[in-house]
Amino acid sequence: MDKFLNNCKEFMKDEEGLTVIEYVIGAALLVLGLTTIFTGFGAALSAKLNNIINSI
């Protein structure tokens, strides 16, 4: 158990570990933002296409 705790402490001190976590958080925020944008865009595009199809 002590070895596990020591490994956890060393991981928290490691600067590269923090960099990886920052990239993961940044990527997650990017995916969330793009999903939000394209979901709204998809609904608007669908409505416009339905209007075009109904007018034909």
C-alpha atoms as a PDB file:
ATOM      1  CA  MET A   1       0.000   0.000   0.000  1.00  0.00           C
ATOM      2  CA  ASP A   2       2.913   2.347   0.777  1.00  0.00           C
ATOM      3  CA  LYS A   3       4.351   1.766  -2.682  1.00  0.00           C
ATOM      4  CA  PHE A   4       1.033   2.787  -4.250  1.00  0.00           C
ATOM      5  CA  LEU A   5       0.865   5.972  -2.177  1.00  0.00           C
ATOM      6  CA  ASN A   6       4.467   6.826  -3.035  1.00  0.00           C
ATOM      7  CA  ASN A   7       3.738   6.336  -6.729  1.00  0.00           C
ATOM      8  CA  CYS A   8       0.705   8.618  -6.437  1.00  0.00           C
ATOM      9  CA  LYS A   9       2.749  11.305  -4.687  1.00  0.00           C
ATOM     10  CA  GLU A  10       5.473  11.134  -7.332  1.00  0.00           C
ATOM     11  CA  PHE A  11       2.892  11.344 -10.109  1.00  0.00           C
ATOM     12  CA  MET A  12       1.422  14.498  -8.548  1.00  0.00           C
ATOM     13  CA  LYS A  13       4.895  16.073  -8.349  1.00  0.00           C
ATOM     14  CA  ASP A  14       5.706  15.198 -11.966  1.00  0.00           C
ATOM     15  CA  GLU A  15       5.282  18.197 -14.284  1.00  0.00           C
ATOM     16  CA  GLU A  16       4.635  15.996 -17.320  1.00  0.00           C
ATOM     17  CA  GLY A  17       1.650  14.451 -15.570  1.00  0.00           C
ATOM     18  CA  LEU A  18       0.099  17.867 -15.141  1.00  0.00           C
ATOM     19  CA  THR A  19       0.704  18.691 -18.786  1.00  0.00           C
ATOM     20  CA  VAL A  20      -1.102  15.536 -19.892  1.00  0.00           C
ATOM     21  CA  ILE A  21      -4.036  16.340 -17.629  1.00  0.00           C
ATOM     22  CA  GLU A  22      -4.199  19.883 -19.022  1.00  0.00           C
ATOM     23  CA  TYR A  23      -4.296  18.536 -22.583  1.00  0.00           C
ATOM     24  CA  VAL A  24      -7.033  16.058 -21.689  1.00  0.00           C
ATOM     25  CA  ILE A  25      -9.150  18.785 -20.089  1.00  0.00           C
ATOM     26  CA  GLY A  26      -8.552  21.091 -23.062  1.00  0.00           C
ATOM     27  CA  ALA A  27      -9.524  18.374 -25.537  1.00  0.00           C
ATOM     28  CA  ALA A  28     -12.674  17.575 -23.553  1.00  0.00           C
ATOM     29  CA  LEU A  29     -13.695  21.243 -23.550  1.00  0.00           C
ATOM     30  CA  LEU A  30     -13.038  21.476 -27.287  1.00  0.00           C
ATOM     31  CA  VAL A  31     -15.193  18.411 -27.994  1.00  0.00           C
ATOM     32  CA  LEU A  32     -17.960  19.748 -25.763  1.00  0.00           C
ATOM     33  CA  GLY A  33     -17.896  23.129 -27.497  1.00  0.00           C
ATOM     34  CA  LEU A  34     -17.910  21.641 -30.994  1.00  0.00           C
ATOM     35  CA  THR A  35     -20.736  19.282 -30.071  1.00  0.00           C
ATOM     36  CA  THR A  36     -22.790  22.200 -28.775  1.00  0.00           C
ATOM     37  CA  ILE A  37     -22.138  24.286 -31.882  1.00  0.00           C
ATOM     38  CA  PHE A  38     -22.884  21.504 -34.366  1.00  0.00           C
ATOM     39  CA  THR A  39     -25.994  20.376 -32.497  1.00  0.00           C
ATOM     40  CA  GLY A  40     -27.470  23.862 -32.760  1.00  0.00           C
ATOM     41  CA  PHE A  41     -26.260  24.228 -36.342  1.00  0.00           C
ATOM     42  CA  GLY A  42     -27.765  20.872 -37.274  1.00  0.00           C
ATOM     43  CA  ALA A  43     -31.188  21.856 -35.950  1.00  0.00           C
ATOM     44  CA  ALA A  44     -31.121  25.159 -37.860  1.00  0.00           C
ATOM     45  CA  LEU A  45     -29.947  23.445 -41.052  1.00  0.00           C
ATOM     46  CA  SER A  46     -32.647  20.805 -40.727  1.00  0.00           C
ATOM     47  CA  ALA A  47     -35.330  23.483 -40.338  1.00  0.00           C
ATOM     48  CA  LYS A  48     -34.102  25.370 -43.421  1.00  0.00           C
ATOM     49  CA  LEU A  49     -33.975  22.193 -45.502  1.00  0.00           C
ATOM     50  CA  ASN A  50     -37.512  21.310 -44.410  1.00  0.00           C
ATOM     51  CA  ASN A  51     -38.690  24.779 -45.476  1.00  0.00           C
ATOM     52  CA  ILE A  52     -37.049  24.348 -48.884  1.00  0.00           C
ATOM     53  CA  ILE A  53     -38.532  20.873 -49.354  1.00  0.00           C
ATOM     54  CA  ASN A  54     -42.005  22.022 -48.285  1.00  0.00           C
ATOM     55  CA  SER A  55     -41.923  24.953 -50.710  1.00  0.00           C
ATOM     56  CA  ILE A  56     -41.197  22.621 -53.642  1.00  0.00           C
END
